[in-house]
Structure formats: structure tokens, C-alpha cells
């Protein structure tokens, strides 16, 4: 059964997906464009970040990938404090 208007079918499910994912994609797109436009990040770093986020969301190991990413960011931040 589709989530959009209660009718069955892939079209209804796709419409519901676009309705709920649209704002998230819009916000993420802006958040990724700002560092690129301001020169703080390069396109390869943004592409890598995109791949990382997609793997978190679609892989069966998403929770572990997110956890490892968090640990890596904590380690990087701690290292920057002492350098």
C-alpha cells in the first residue's frame, strides 16, 4: 500500500519518498554547497563525504560505519588540540 494517498503502487510510494526526502536532500545539498563555494572544502572531499553518508544509510552496517566515523572525528579533534 502506498504511503502518499493510500493507493497501492510504486508511483504512490515514490511520491511519498520524494515528499519526505525532499527537505532532507535540500538541506544537505545546501550544507555541502556552502563549504565548496567558500573554498573550505574541495569537490573530492565532498564526494567522499557523500559516499560515506550513503553507506551509512543504505548498508546493513550503517550503525557501525556511523560509529567509526564518530570515533575518527573525535580522534581528529583530540589530535588537533595537542598539535
N, C-alpha and C. Protein backbone atom coordinates (compact mmCIF):
# COMPACT_ATOMS: atom_id res chain seq x y z
N UNK A 1 0.85 -1.18 0.00
CA UNK A 1 0.00 0.00 0.00
C UNK A 1 0.88 1.23 0.00
N UNK A 2 0.63 2.16 -0.87
CA UNK A 2 1.43 3.37 -0.94
C UNK A 2 1.19 4.28 0.26
N UNK A 3 2.15 5.10 0.57
CA UNK A 3 2.04 5.99 1.72
C UNK A 3 1.49 7.36 1.35
N UNK A 4 1.45 7.68 0.09
CA UNK A 4 1.08 9.03 -0.33
C UNK A 4 -0.41 9.29 -0.12
N UNK A 5 -1.24 8.45 -0.74
CA UNK A 5 -2.68 8.69 -0.60
C UNK A 5 -3.45 7.40 -0.33
N UNK A 6 -2.76 6.38 0.11
CA UNK A 6 -3.43 5.14 0.44
C UNK A 6 -3.66 4.22 -0.73
N UNK A 7 -3.21 4.61 -1.92
CA UNK A 7 -3.40 3.75 -3.09
C UNK A 7 -2.17 2.88 -3.27
N UNK A 8 -2.36 1.65 -3.71
CA UNK A 8 -1.21 0.77 -3.91
C UNK A 8 -0.42 1.17 -5.15
N UNK A 9 0.85 0.85 -5.15
CA UNK A 9 1.65 1.06 -6.34
C UNK A 9 2.95 1.78 -6.07
N UNK A 10 3.86 1.59 -7.02
CA UNK A 10 5.18 2.18 -6.89
C UNK A 10 5.13 3.70 -7.03
N UNK A 11 4.22 4.21 -7.85
CA UNK A 11 4.12 5.65 -8.02
C UNK A 11 3.74 6.36 -6.74
N UNK A 12 2.82 5.77 -6.02
CA UNK A 12 2.40 6.36 -4.75
C UNK A 12 3.54 6.31 -3.72
N UNK A 13 4.26 5.19 -3.69
CA UNK A 13 5.38 5.06 -2.77
C UNK A 13 6.49 6.03 -3.13
N UNK A 14 6.76 6.21 -4.42
CA UNK A 14 7.80 7.14 -4.86
C UNK A 14 7.41 8.58 -4.50
N UNK A 15 6.15 8.91 -4.65
CA UNK A 15 5.69 10.26 -4.29
C UNK A 15 5.87 10.50 -2.79
N UNK A 16 5.59 9.49 -1.98
CA UNK A 16 5.78 9.64 -0.53
C UNK A 16 7.26 9.81 -0.22
N UNK A 17 8.11 9.04 -0.90
CA UNK A 17 9.56 9.17 -0.69
C UNK A 17 10.05 10.56 -1.03
N UNK A 18 9.59 11.10 -2.14
CA UNK A 18 10.01 12.45 -2.52
C UNK A 18 9.49 13.49 -1.54
N UNK A 19 8.29 13.27 -1.04
CA UNK A 19 7.72 14.22 -0.08
C UNK A 19 8.55 14.27 1.20
N UNK A 20 8.98 13.14 1.69
CA UNK A 20 9.70 13.10 2.95
C UNK A 20 11.20 13.30 2.78
N UNK A 21 11.76 12.92 1.65
CA UNK A 21 13.20 13.05 1.44
C UNK A 21 13.59 14.40 0.85
N UNK A 22 12.67 15.07 0.20
CA UNK A 22 12.96 16.34 -0.45
C UNK A 22 13.58 17.38 0.47
N UNK A 23 12.97 17.69 1.60
CA UNK A 23 13.55 18.68 2.51
C UNK A 23 14.93 18.27 3.03
N UNK A 24 15.10 16.98 3.29
CA UNK A 24 16.40 16.48 3.78
C UNK A 24 17.47 16.67 2.71
N UNK A 25 17.14 16.30 1.47
CA UNK A 25 18.11 16.46 0.39
C UNK A 25 18.40 17.93 0.14
N UNK A 26 17.40 18.77 0.24
CA UNK A 26 17.61 20.20 0.05
C UNK A 26 18.54 20.78 1.10
N UNK A 27 18.32 20.43 2.35
CA UNK A 27 19.17 20.95 3.42
C UNK A 27 20.59 20.40 3.31
N UNK A 28 20.71 19.12 3.00
CA UNK A 28 22.04 18.53 2.87
C UNK A 28 22.79 19.14 1.69
N UNK A 29 22.06 19.38 0.61
CA UNK A 29 22.71 19.97 -0.56
C UNK A 29 23.26 21.35 -0.25
N UNK A 30 22.49 22.15 0.47
CA UNK A 30 22.95 23.49 0.85
C UNK A 30 24.14 23.39 1.79
N UNK A 31 24.05 22.49 2.77
CA UNK A 31 25.16 22.34 3.73
C UNK A 31 26.44 21.86 3.06
N UNK A 32 26.33 21.12 1.97
CA UNK A 32 27.52 20.67 1.26
C UNK A 32 28.00 21.73 0.26
N UNK A 33 27.10 22.57 -0.23
CA UNK A 33 27.49 23.59 -1.21
C UNK A 33 28.23 24.75 -0.55
N UNK A 34 27.85 25.12 0.65
CA UNK A 34 28.45 26.28 1.31
C UNK A 34 29.96 26.13 1.49
N UNK A 35 30.48 25.00 2.03
CA UNK A 35 31.93 24.88 2.15
C UNK A 35 32.63 24.86 0.80
N UNK A 36 32.00 24.26 -0.20
CA UNK A 36 32.60 24.21 -1.53
C UNK A 36 32.67 25.62 -2.12
N UNK A 37 31.60 26.37 -2.01
CA UNK A 37 31.57 27.72 -2.58
C UNK A 37 32.51 28.67 -1.83
N UNK A 38 32.66 28.45 -0.54
CA UNK A 38 33.53 29.35 0.24
C UNK A 38 35.00 28.94 0.18
N UNK A 39 35.29 27.83 -0.47
CA UNK A 39 36.68 27.41 -0.62
C UNK A 39 37.22 26.63 0.57
N UNK A 40 36.36 26.24 1.49
CA UNK A 40 36.83 25.50 2.66
C UNK A 40 36.97 24.01 2.39
N UNK A 41 36.31 23.50 1.37
CA UNK A 41 36.41 22.09 1.02
C UNK A 41 36.50 21.96 -0.49
N UNK A 42 37.07 20.85 -0.91
CA UNK A 42 37.18 20.60 -2.34
C UNK A 42 36.13 19.58 -2.77
N UNK A 43 35.91 19.50 -4.06
CA UNK A 43 34.92 18.57 -4.60
C UNK A 43 35.24 17.11 -4.25
N UNK A 44 36.51 16.67 -4.30
CA UNK A 44 36.77 15.28 -3.91
C UNK A 44 36.41 14.98 -2.45
N UNK A 45 36.66 15.91 -1.54
CA UNK A 45 36.27 15.70 -0.14
C UNK A 45 34.76 15.62 0.00
N UNK A 46 34.03 16.47 -0.72
CA UNK A 46 32.57 16.43 -0.67
C UNK A 46 32.04 15.14 -1.28
N UNK A 47 32.68 14.65 -2.34
CA UNK A 47 32.27 13.38 -2.93
C UNK A 47 32.50 12.24 -1.95
N UNK A 48 33.64 12.26 -1.27
CA UNK A 48 33.92 11.24 -0.27
C UNK A 48 32.93 11.28 0.88
N UNK A 49 32.59 12.46 1.32
CA UNK A 49 31.60 12.62 2.38
C UNK A 49 30.24 12.09 1.94
N UNK A 50 29.89 12.34 0.70
CA UNK A 50 28.63 11.85 0.15
C UNK A 50 28.61 10.32 0.15
N UNK A 51 29.68 9.71 -0.31
CA UNK A 51 29.76 8.24 -0.32
C UNK A 51 29.64 7.70 1.10
N UNK A 52 30.34 8.33 2.04
CA UNK A 52 30.28 7.90 3.44
C UNK A 52 28.84 7.95 3.98
N UNK A 53 28.15 9.05 3.72
CA UNK A 53 26.79 9.20 4.21
C UNK A 53 25.83 8.21 3.56
N UNK A 54 26.02 7.96 2.29
CA UNK A 54 25.16 6.98 1.61
C UNK A 54 25.39 5.59 2.19
N UNK A 55 26.65 5.25 2.43
CA UNK A 55 26.94 3.95 3.03
C UNK A 55 26.32 3.82 4.42
N UNK A 56 26.33 4.89 5.18
CA UNK A 56 25.68 4.87 6.50
C UNK A 56 24.20 4.56 6.38
N UNK A 57 23.57 5.10 5.37
CA UNK A 57 22.12 4.98 5.25
C UNK A 57 21.66 3.68 4.60
N UNK A 58 22.40 3.16 3.62
CA UNK A 58 21.88 2.04 2.84
C UNK A 58 22.54 0.70 3.15
N UNK A 59 23.68 0.69 3.79
CA UNK A 59 24.34 -0.59 4.05
C UNK A 59 23.81 -1.21 5.34
N UNK A 60 23.91 -2.53 5.42
CA UNK A 60 23.47 -3.18 6.65
C UNK A 60 24.38 -2.87 7.84
N UNK A 61 25.55 -2.31 7.59
CA UNK A 61 26.50 -1.96 8.64
C UNK A 61 26.49 -0.46 8.91
N UNK A 62 25.39 0.21 8.61
CA UNK A 62 25.30 1.65 8.74
C UNK A 62 25.61 2.16 10.14
N UNK A 63 25.11 1.46 11.15
CA UNK A 63 25.37 1.87 12.53
C UNK A 63 26.86 1.80 12.88
N UNK A 64 27.50 0.76 12.42
CA UNK A 64 28.95 0.62 12.67
C UNK A 64 29.75 1.67 11.91
N UNK A 65 29.33 1.94 10.68
CA UNK A 65 30.03 2.95 9.88
C UNK A 65 29.89 4.32 10.56
N UNK A 66 28.71 4.65 11.03
CA UNK A 66 28.49 5.92 11.72
C UNK A 66 29.32 5.98 13.00
N UNK A 67 29.38 4.89 13.73
CA UNK A 67 30.14 4.83 14.97
C UNK A 67 31.63 5.03 14.70
N UNK A 68 32.15 4.38 13.66
CA UNK A 68 33.56 4.55 13.30
C UNK A 68 33.85 5.97 12.85
N UNK A 69 32.91 6.56 12.11
CA UNK A 69 33.08 7.95 11.69
C UNK A 69 33.13 8.89 12.89
N UNK A 70 32.26 8.66 13.86
CA UNK A 70 32.27 9.46 15.08
C UNK A 70 33.57 9.33 15.84
N UNK A 71 34.06 8.10 15.97
CA UNK A 71 35.36 7.89 16.64
C UNK A 71 36.49 8.59 15.89
N UNK A 72 36.47 8.49 14.58
CA UNK A 72 37.51 9.14 13.78
C UNK A 72 37.47 10.65 13.97
N UNK A 73 36.29 11.24 14.00
CA UNK A 73 36.19 12.68 14.20
C UNK A 73 36.62 13.09 15.60
N UNK A 74 36.28 12.28 16.61
CA UNK A 74 36.75 12.56 17.97
C UNK A 74 38.27 12.48 18.07
N UNK A 75 38.85 11.47 17.44
CA UNK A 75 40.31 11.32 17.45
C UNK A 75 40.98 12.49 16.73
N UNK A 76 40.42 12.89 15.61
CA UNK A 76 40.97 14.02 14.87
C UNK A 76 40.89 15.29 15.71
N UNK A 77 39.75 15.53 16.33
CA UNK A 77 39.59 16.72 17.17
C UNK A 77 40.55 16.71 18.34
N UNK A 78 40.73 15.55 18.99
CA UNK A 78 41.67 15.45 20.11
C UNK A 78 43.09 15.69 19.64
N UNK A 79 43.44 15.15 18.49
CA UNK A 79 44.79 15.35 17.96
C UNK A 79 45.04 16.82 17.63
N UNK A 80 44.03 17.50 17.13
CA UNK A 80 44.19 18.92 16.80
C UNK A 80 44.38 19.78 18.05
N UNK A 81 43.85 19.32 19.18
CA UNK A 81 44.04 20.08 20.43
C UNK A 81 45.49 20.08 20.87
N UNK A 82 46.20 18.98 20.61
CA UNK A 82 47.57 18.85 21.09
C UNK A 82 48.62 19.13 20.04
N UNK A 83 48.21 19.50 18.86
CA UNK A 83 49.21 19.81 17.81
C UNK A 83 49.42 21.28 17.72
